[in-house]
Amino acid sequence: MDRERIERQLKLAENNLAAWTKQLDTAKVAADQRGKNAKWRQLDGERRTFIRRILAVKAIEDREAAAHERLAERAGAAE
């Protein structure tokens, strides 16, 4: 998956979590009690999944950038 798609999905997941958190707040559920709500846990898990995916994509991008840099150095040294 590309980074933009994952970031868009993360934004949607954050919006969904914020909306559900607002519902819990209106129901007067304490912040430390949200973890007991199954829907909140599911939405928070989705958000954390997208965060991990973005970190994985960033690691791949960093690795690829380093590889291109090494190739450029070798090409420069060969000339």
PDB file of N, CA and C in Angstrom:
ATOM      1  N   MET A   1       0.838  -1.185   0.000  1.00  0.00           N
ATOM      2  CA  MET A   1       0.000   0.000   0.000  1.00  0.00           C
ATOM      3  C   MET A   1       0.881   1.245   0.000  1.00  0.00           C
ATOM      4  N   ASP A   2       0.369   2.272  -0.598  1.00  0.00           N
ATOM      5  CA  ASP A   2       1.144   3.495  -0.599  1.00  0.00           C
ATOM      6  C   ASP A   2       0.840   4.328   0.646  1.00  0.00           C
ATOM      7  N   ARG A   3       1.774   5.186   0.949  1.00  0.00           N
ATOM      8  CA  ARG A   3       1.718   5.961   2.187  1.00  0.00           C
ATOM      9  C   ARG A   3       0.471   6.854   2.265  1.00  0.00           C
ATOM     10  N   GLU A   4       0.098   7.489   1.148  1.00  0.00           N
ATOM     11  CA  GLU A   4      -1.045   8.394   1.155  1.00  0.00           C
ATOM     12  C   GLU A   4      -2.330   7.653   1.513  1.00  0.00           C
ATOM     13  N   ARG A   5      -2.499   6.454   0.986  1.00  0.00           N
ATOM     14  CA  ARG A   5      -3.700   5.674   1.265  1.00  0.00           C
ATOM     15  C   ARG A   5      -3.763   5.308   2.750  1.00  0.00           C
ATOM     16  N   ILE A   6      -2.632   4.898   3.299  1.00  0.00           N
ATOM     17  CA  ILE A   6      -2.603   4.522   4.714  1.00  0.00           C
ATOM     18  C   ILE A   6      -2.863   5.741   5.596  1.00  0.00           C
ATOM     19  N   GLU A   7      -2.293   6.890   5.216  1.00  0.00           N
ATOM     20  CA  GLU A   7      -2.531   8.106   6.001  1.00  0.00           C
ATOM     21  C   GLU A   7      -3.998   8.518   5.939  1.00  0.00           C
ATOM     22  N   ARG A   8      -4.643   8.329   4.780  1.00  0.00           N
ATOM     23  CA  ARG A   8      -6.066   8.638   4.660  1.00  0.00           C
ATOM     24  C   ARG A   8      -6.883   7.699   5.550  1.00  0.00           C
ATOM     25  N   GLN A   9      -6.526   6.413   5.542  1.00  0.00           N
ATOM     26  CA  GLN A   9      -7.228   5.451   6.382  1.00  0.00           C
ATOM     27  C   GLN A   9      -7.008   5.743   7.861  1.00  0.00           C
ATOM     28  N   LEU A  10      -5.803   6.186   8.215  1.00  0.00           N
ATOM     29  CA  LEU A  10      -5.522   6.563   9.597  1.00  0.00           C
ATOM     30  C   LEU A  10      -6.395   7.738  10.014  1.00  0.00           C
ATOM     31  N   LYS A  11      -6.522   8.728   9.139  1.00  0.00           N
ATOM     32  CA  LYS A  11      -7.346   9.894   9.458  1.00  0.00           C
ATOM     33  C   LYS A  11      -8.804   9.474   9.672  1.00  0.00           C
ATOM     34  N   LEU A  12      -9.308   8.562   8.834  1.00  0.00           N
ATOM     35  CA  LEU A  12     -10.676   8.070   9.005  1.00  0.00           C
ATOM     36  C   LEU A  12     -10.822   7.309  10.318  1.00  0.00           C
ATOM     37  N   ALA A  13      -9.832   6.492  10.648  1.00  0.00           N
ATOM     38  CA  ALA A  13      -9.877   5.729  11.897  1.00  0.00           C
ATOM     39  C   ALA A  13      -9.856   6.677  13.098  1.00  0.00           C
ATOM     40  N   GLU A  14      -9.045   7.719  13.025  1.00  0.00           N
ATOM     41  CA  GLU A  14      -8.995   8.694  14.117  1.00  0.00           C
ATOM     42  C   GLU A  14     -10.327   9.428  14.255  1.00  0.00           C
ATOM     43  N   ASN A  15     -10.944   9.763  13.121  1.00  0.00           N
ATOM     44  CA  ASN A  15     -12.251  10.431  13.167  1.00  0.00           C
ATOM     45  C   ASN A  15     -13.308   9.521  13.768  1.00  0.00           C
ATOM     46  N   ASN A  16     -13.301   8.238  13.386  1.00  0.00           N
ATOM     47  CA  ASN A  16     -14.256   7.281  13.942  1.00  0.00           C
ATOM     48  C   ASN A  16     -14.068   7.125  15.454  1.00  0.00           C
ATOM     49  N   LEU A  17     -12.809   7.035  15.874  1.00  0.00           N
ATOM     50  CA  LEU A  17     -12.520   6.913  17.301  1.00  0.00           C
ATOM     51  C   LEU A  17     -12.948   8.164  18.050  1.00  0.00           C
ATOM     52  N   ALA A  18     -12.691   9.330  17.465  1.00  0.00           N
ATOM     53  CA  ALA A  18     -13.090  10.582  18.113  1.00  0.00           C
ATOM     54  C   ALA A  18     -14.607  10.671  18.248  1.00  0.00           C
ATOM     55  N   ALA A  19     -15.324  10.232  17.223  1.00  0.00           N
ATOM     56  CA  ALA A  19     -16.789  10.268  17.277  1.00  0.00           C
ATOM     57  C   ALA A  19     -17.312   9.331  18.360  1.00  0.00           C
ATOM     58  N   TRP A  20     -16.712   8.140  18.446  1.00  0.00           N
ATOM     59  CA  TRP A  20     -17.170   7.192  19.469  1.00  0.00           C
ATOM     60  C   TRP A  20     -16.784   7.682  20.869  1.00  0.00           C
ATOM     61  N   THR A  21     -15.623   8.278  20.984  1.00  0.00           N
ATOM     62  CA  THR A  21     -15.195   8.835  22.265  1.00  0.00           C
ATOM     63  C   THR A  21     -16.152   9.943  22.702  1.00  0.00           C
ATOM     64  N   LYS A  22     -16.609  10.741  21.738  1.00  0.00           N
ATOM     65  CA  LYS A  22     -17.567  11.802  22.056  1.00  0.00           C
ATOM     66  C   LYS A  22     -18.873  11.198  22.569  1.00  0.00           C
ATOM     67  N   GLN A  23     -19.303  10.087  21.952  1.00  0.00           N
ATOM     68  CA  GLN A  23     -20.515   9.419  22.430  1.00  0.00           C
ATOM     69  C   GLN A  23     -20.318   8.894  23.851  1.00  0.00           C
ATOM     70  N   LEU A  24     -19.147   8.352  24.109  1.00  0.00           N
ATOM     71  CA  LEU A  24     -18.869   7.855  25.454  1.00  0.00           C
ATOM     72  C   LEU A  24     -18.832   9.008  26.453  1.00  0.00           C
ATOM     73  N   ASP A  25     -18.287  10.145  26.027  1.00  0.00           N
ATOM     74  CA  ASP A  25     -18.252  11.313  26.906  1.00  0.00           C
ATOM     75  C   ASP A  25     -19.657  11.804  27.227  1.00  0.00           C
ATOM     76  N   THR A  26     -20.533  11.805  26.227  1.00  0.00           N
ATOM     77  CA  THR A  26     -21.909  12.234  26.493  1.00  0.00           C
ATOM     78  C   THR A  26     -22.626  11.246  27.397  1.00  0.00           C
ATOM     79  N   ALA A  27     -22.195   9.974  27.373  1.00  0.00           N
ATOM     80  CA  ALA A  27     -22.775   8.965  28.268  1.00  0.00           C
ATOM     81  C   ALA A  27     -22.087   8.992  29.634  1.00  0.00           C
ATOM     82  N   LYS A  28     -21.167   9.946  29.815  1.00  0.00           N
ATOM     83  CA  LYS A  28     -20.439  10.139  31.069  1.00  0.00           C
ATOM     84  C   LYS A  28     -19.592   8.931  31.464  1.00  0.00           C
ATOM     85  N   VAL A  29     -18.929   8.324  30.440  1.00  0.00           N
ATOM     86  CA  VAL A  29     -17.994   7.236  30.697  1.00  0.00           C
ATOM     87  C   VAL A  29     -16.628   7.877  30.949  1.00  0.00           C
ATOM     88  N   ALA A  30     -16.017   7.528  32.054  1.00  0.00           N
ATOM     89  CA  ALA A  30     -14.723   8.107  32.412  1.00  0.00           C
ATOM     90  C   ALA A  30     -13.650   7.666  31.410  1.00  0.00           C
ATOM     91  N   ALA A  31     -12.634   8.504  31.246  1.00  0.00           N
ATOM     92  CA  ALA A  31     -11.567   8.219  30.286  1.00  0.00           C
ATOM     93  C   ALA A  31     -10.848   6.909  30.602  1.00  0.00           C
ATOM     94  N   ASP A  32     -10.674   6.606  31.874  1.00  0.00           N
ATOM     95  CA  ASP A  32      -9.986   5.370  32.237  1.00  0.00           C
ATOM     96  C   ASP A  32     -10.880   4.141  32.091  1.00  0.00           C
ATOM     97  N   GLN A  33     -12.163   4.340  31.832  1.00  0.00           N
ATOM     98  CA  GLN A  33     -13.097   3.228  31.655  1.00  0.00           C
ATOM     99  C   GLN A  33     -13.389   2.935  30.182  1.00  0.00           C
ATOM    100  N   ARG A  34     -12.849   3.745  29.273  1.00  0.00           N
ATOM    101  CA  ARG A  34     -13.113   3.536  27.846  1.00  0.00           C
ATOM    102  C   ARG A  34     -12.593   2.191  27.361  1.00  0.00           C
ATOM    103  N   GLY A  35     -11.506   1.743  27.921  1.00  0.00           N
ATOM    104  CA  GLY A  35     -10.911   0.473  27.510  1.00  0.00           C
ATOM    105  C   GLY A  35     -11.811  -0.724  27.760  1.00  0.00           C
ATOM    106  N   LYS A  36     -12.821  -0.556  28.566  1.00  0.00           N
ATOM    107  CA  LYS A  36     -13.764  -1.648  28.829  1.00  0.00           C
ATOM    108  C   LYS A  36     -14.862  -1.716  27.769  1.00  0.00           C
ATOM    109  N   ASN A  37     -14.946  -0.692  26.938  1.00  0.00           N
ATOM    110  CA  ASN A  37     -15.957  -0.649  25.886  1.00  0.00           C
ATOM    111  C   ASN A  37     -15.416  -1.352  24.644  1.00  0.00           C
ATOM    112  N   ALA A  38     -16.107  -2.376  24.170  1.00  0.00           N
ATOM    113  CA  ALA A  38     -15.625  -3.199  23.048  1.00  0.00           C
ATOM    114  C   ALA A  38     -15.480  -2.392  21.765  1.00  0.00           C
ATOM    115  N   LYS A  39     -16.423  -1.540  21.479  1.00  0.00           N
ATOM    116  CA  LYS A  39     -16.367  -0.733  20.256  1.00  0.00           C
ATOM    117  C   LYS A  39     -15.187   0.223  20.302  1.00  0.00           C
ATOM    118  N   TRP A  40     -14.941   0.838  21.444  1.00  0.00           N
ATOM    119  CA  TRP A  40     -13.813   1.758  21.577  1.00  0.00           C
ATOM    120  C   TRP A  40     -12.496   1.011  21.371  1.00  0.00           C
ATOM    121  N   ARG A  41     -12.388  -0.196  21.952  1.00  0.00           N
ATOM    122  CA  ARG A  41     -11.170  -0.997  21.784  1.00  0.00           C
ATOM    123  C   ARG A  41     -10.948  -1.355  20.325  1.00  0.00           C
ATOM    124  N   GLN A  42     -12.025  -1.704  19.626  1.00  0.00           N
ATOM    125  CA  GLN A  42     -11.910  -2.073  18.220  1.00  0.00           C
ATOM    126  C   GLN A  42     -11.444  -0.876  17.391  1.00  0.00           C
ATOM    127  N   LEU A  43     -12.039   0.281  17.611  1.00  0.00           N
ATOM    128  CA  LEU A  43     -11.659   1.480  16.869  1.00  0.00           C
ATOM    129  C   LEU A  43     -10.232   1.907  17.197  1.00  0.00           C
ATOM    130  N   ASP A  44      -9.846   1.808  18.459  1.00  0.00           N
ATOM    131  CA  ASP A  44      -8.486   2.150  18.857  1.00  0.00           C
ATOM    132  C   ASP A  44      -7.490   1.167  18.244  1.00  0.00           C
ATOM    133  N   GLY A  45      -7.860  -0.099  18.160  1.00  0.00           N
ATOM    134  CA  GLY A  45      -6.998  -1.100  17.532  1.00  0.00           C
ATOM    135  C   GLY A  45      -6.788  -0.819  16.057  1.00  0.00           C
ATOM    136  N   GLU A  46      -7.841  -0.406  15.368  1.00  0.00           N
ATOM    137  CA  GLU A  46      -7.708  -0.051  13.954  1.00  0.00           C
ATOM    138  C   GLU A  46      -6.761   1.130  13.791  1.00  0.00           C
ATOM    139  N   ARG A  47      -6.910   2.127  14.660  1.00  0.00           N
ATOM    140  CA  ARG A  47      -6.035   3.307  14.597  1.00  0.00           C
ATOM    141  C   ARG A  47      -4.584   2.914  14.812  1.00  0.00           C
ATOM    142  N   ARG A  48      -4.342   2.071  15.818  1.00  0.00           N
ATOM    143  CA  ARG A  48      -2.970   1.638  16.091  1.00  0.00           C
ATOM    144  C   ARG A  48      -2.402   0.797  14.959  1.00  0.00           C
ATOM    145  N   THR A  49      -3.249   0.021  14.286  1.00  0.00           N
ATOM    146  CA  THR A  49      -2.809  -0.776  13.144  1.00  0.00           C
ATOM    147  C   THR A  49      -2.292   0.126  12.031  1.00  0.00           C
ATOM    148  N   PHE A  50      -3.026   1.190  11.732  1.00  0.00           N
ATOM    149  CA  PHE A  50      -2.592   2.104  10.675  1.00  0.00           C
ATOM    150  C   PHE A  50      -1.322   2.847  11.066  1.00  0.00           C
ATOM    151  N   ILE A  51      -1.173   3.159  12.333  1.00  0.00           N
ATOM    152  CA  ILE A  51       0.062   3.802  12.788  1.00  0.00           C
ATOM    153  C   ILE A  51       1.244   2.867  12.568  1.00  0.00           C
ATOM    154  N   ARG A  52       1.067   1.583  12.913  1.00  0.00           N
ATOM    155  CA  ARG A  52       2.146   0.614  12.693  1.00  0.00           C
ATOM    156  C   ARG A  52       2.457   0.459  11.210  1.00  0.00           C
ATOM    157  N   ARG A  53       1.442   0.486  10.371  1.00  0.00           N
ATOM    158  CA  ARG A  53       1.667   0.364   8.928  1.00  0.00           C
ATOM    159  C   ARG A  53       2.439   1.555   8.392  1.00  0.00           C
ATOM    160  N   ILE A  54       2.116   2.753   8.874  1.00  0.00           N
ATOM    161  CA  ILE A  54       2.856   3.940   8.434  1.00  0.00           C
ATOM    162  C   ILE A  54       4.316   3.843   8.865  1.00  0.00           C
ATOM    163  N   LEU A  55       4.550   3.360  10.074  1.00  0.00           N
ATOM    164  CA  LEU A  55       5.933   3.189  10.540  1.00  0.00           C
ATOM    165  C   LEU A  55       6.677   2.173   9.685  1.00  0.00           C
ATOM    166  N   ALA A  56       5.992   1.111   9.264  1.00  0.00           N
ATOM    167  CA  ALA A  56       6.617   0.107   8.408  1.00  0.00           C
ATOM    168  C   ALA A  56       6.938   0.690   7.032  1.00  0.00           C
ATOM    169  N   VAL A  57       6.027   1.475   6.489  1.00  0.00           N
ATOM    170  CA  VAL A  57       6.265   2.111   5.192  1.00  0.00           C
ATOM    171  C   VAL A  57       7.431   3.087   5.307  1.00  0.00           C
ATOM    172  N   LYS A  58       7.494   3.824   6.405  1.00  0.00           N
ATOM    173  CA  LYS A  58       8.602   4.756   6.609  1.00  0.00           C
ATOM    174  C   LYS A  58       9.931   4.013   6.668  1.00  0.00           C
ATOM    175  N   ALA A  59       9.947   2.859   7.330  1.00  0.00           N
ATOM    176  CA  ALA A  59      11.178   2.072   7.403  1.00  0.00           C
ATOM    177  C   ALA A  59      11.598   1.601   6.017  1.00  0.00           C
ATOM    178  N   ILE A  60      10.652   1.189   5.211  1.00  0.00           N
ATOM    179  CA  ILE A  60      10.960   0.748   3.846  1.00  0.00           C
ATOM    180  C   ILE A  60      11.464   1.920   3.016  1.00  0.00           C
ATOM    181  N   GLU A  61      10.808   3.084   3.146  1.00  0.00           N
ATOM    182  CA  GLU A  61      11.255   4.268   2.409  1.00  0.00           C
ATOM    183  C   GLU A  61      12.674   4.662   2.815  1.00  0.00           C
ATOM    184  N   ASP A  62      12.975   4.601   4.105  1.00  0.00           N
ATOM    185  CA  ASP A  62      14.321   4.921   4.576  1.00  0.00           C
ATOM    186  C   ASP A  62      15.340   3.935   4.025  1.00  0.00           C
ATOM    187  N   ARG A  63      14.985   2.651   4.036  1.00  0.00           N
ATOM    188  CA  ARG A  63      15.881   1.619   3.513  1.00  0.00           C
ATOM    189  C   ARG A  63      16.145   1.825   2.023  1.00  0.00           C
ATOM    190  N   GLU A  64      15.093   2.129   1.274  1.00  0.00           N
ATOM    191  CA  GLU A  64      15.239   2.356  -0.164  1.00  0.00           C
ATOM    192  C   GLU A  64      16.074   3.605  -0.442  1.00  0.00           C
ATOM    193  N   ALA A  65      15.871   4.654   0.333  1.00  0.00           N
ATOM    194  CA  ALA A  65      16.651   5.879   0.151  1.00  0.00           C
ATOM    195  C   ALA A  65      18.132   5.618   0.427  1.00  0.00           C
ATOM    196  N   ALA A  66      18.410   4.835   1.466  1.00  0.00           N
ATOM    197  CA  ALA A  66      19.805   4.501   1.779  1.00  0.00           C
ATOM    198  C   ALA A  66      20.417   3.660   0.658  1.00  0.00           C
ATOM    199  N   ALA A  67      19.643   2.754   0.091  1.00  0.00           N
ATOM    200  CA  ALA A  67      20.148   1.926  -0.998  1.00  0.00           C
ATOM    201  C   ALA A  67      20.448   2.772  -2.228  1.00  0.00           C
ATOM    202  N   HIS A  68      19.573   3.722  -2.551  1.00  0.00           N
ATOM    203  CA  HIS A  68      19.820   4.599  -3.694  1.00  0.00           C
ATOM    204  C   HIS A  68      21.038   5.477  -3.452  1.00  0.00           C
ATOM    205  N   GLU A  69      21.213   5.896  -2.212  1.00  0.00           N
ATOM    206  CA  GLU A  69      22.372   6.722  -1.870  1.00  0.00           C
ATOM    207  C   GLU A  69      23.669   5.930  -2.050  1.00  0.00           C
ATOM    208  N   ARG A  70      23.654   4.665  -1.598  1.00  0.00           N
ATOM    209  CA  ARG A  70      24.849   3.824  -1.766  1.00  0.00           C
ATOM    210  C   ARG A  70      25.141   3.582  -3.238  1.00  0.00           C
ATOM    211  N   LEU A  71      24.103   3.371  -4.041  1.00  0.00           N
ATOM    212  CA  LEU A  71      24.303   3.174  -5.473  1.00  0.00           C
ATOM    213  C   LEU A  71      24.888   4.421  -6.120  1.00  0.00           C
ATOM    214  N   ALA A  72      24.427   5.570  -5.710  1.00  0.00           N
ATOM    215  CA  ALA A  72      24.950   6.838  -6.256  1.00  0.00           C
ATOM    216  C   ALA A  72      26.409   7.019  -5.863  1.00  0.00           C
ATOM    217  N   GLU A  73      26.758   6.652  -4.613  1.00  0.00           N
ATOM    218  CA  GLU A  73      28.145   6.763  -4.178  1.00  0.00           C
ATOM    219  C   GLU A  73      29.039   5.826  -4.984  1.00  0.00           C
ATOM    220  N   ARG A  74      28.572   4.598  -5.194  1.00  0.00           N
ATOM    221  CA  ARG A  74      29.361   3.654  -5.990  1.00  0.00           C
ATOM    222  C   ARG A  74      29.524   4.125  -7.426  1.00  0.00           C
ATOM    223  N   ALA A  75      28.473   4.680  -8.005  1.00  0.00           N
ATOM    224  CA  ALA A  75      28.553   5.177  -9.372  1.00  0.00           C
ATOM    225  C   ALA A  75      29.510   6.362  -9.434  1.00  0.00           C
ATOM    226  N   GLY A  76      29.497   7.206  -8.415  1.00  0.00           N
ATOM    227  CA  GLY A  76      30.406   8.348  -8.366  1.00  0.00           C
ATOM    228  C   GLY A  76      31.842   7.913  -8.179  1.00  0.00           C
ATOM    229  N   ALA A  77      32.060   6.863  -7.399  1.00  0.00           N
ATOM    230  CA  ALA A  77      33.415   6.374  -7.152  1.00  0.00           C
ATOM    231  C   ALA A  77      33.959   5.643  -8.363  1.00  0.00           C
ATOM    232  N   ALA A  78      33.088   5.041  -9.159  1.00  0.00           N
ATOM    233  CA  ALA A  78      33.528   4.292 -10.336  1.00  0.00           C
ATOM    234  C   ALA A  78      33.947   5.221 -11.457  1.00  0.00           C
ATOM    235  N   GLU A  79      33.469   6.444 -11.459  1.00  0.00           N
ATOM    236  CA  GLU A  79      33.798   7.391 -12.535  1.00  0.00           C
ATOM    237  C   GLU A  79      35.105   8.009 -12.350  1.00  0.00           C
TER     238      GLU A  79
END
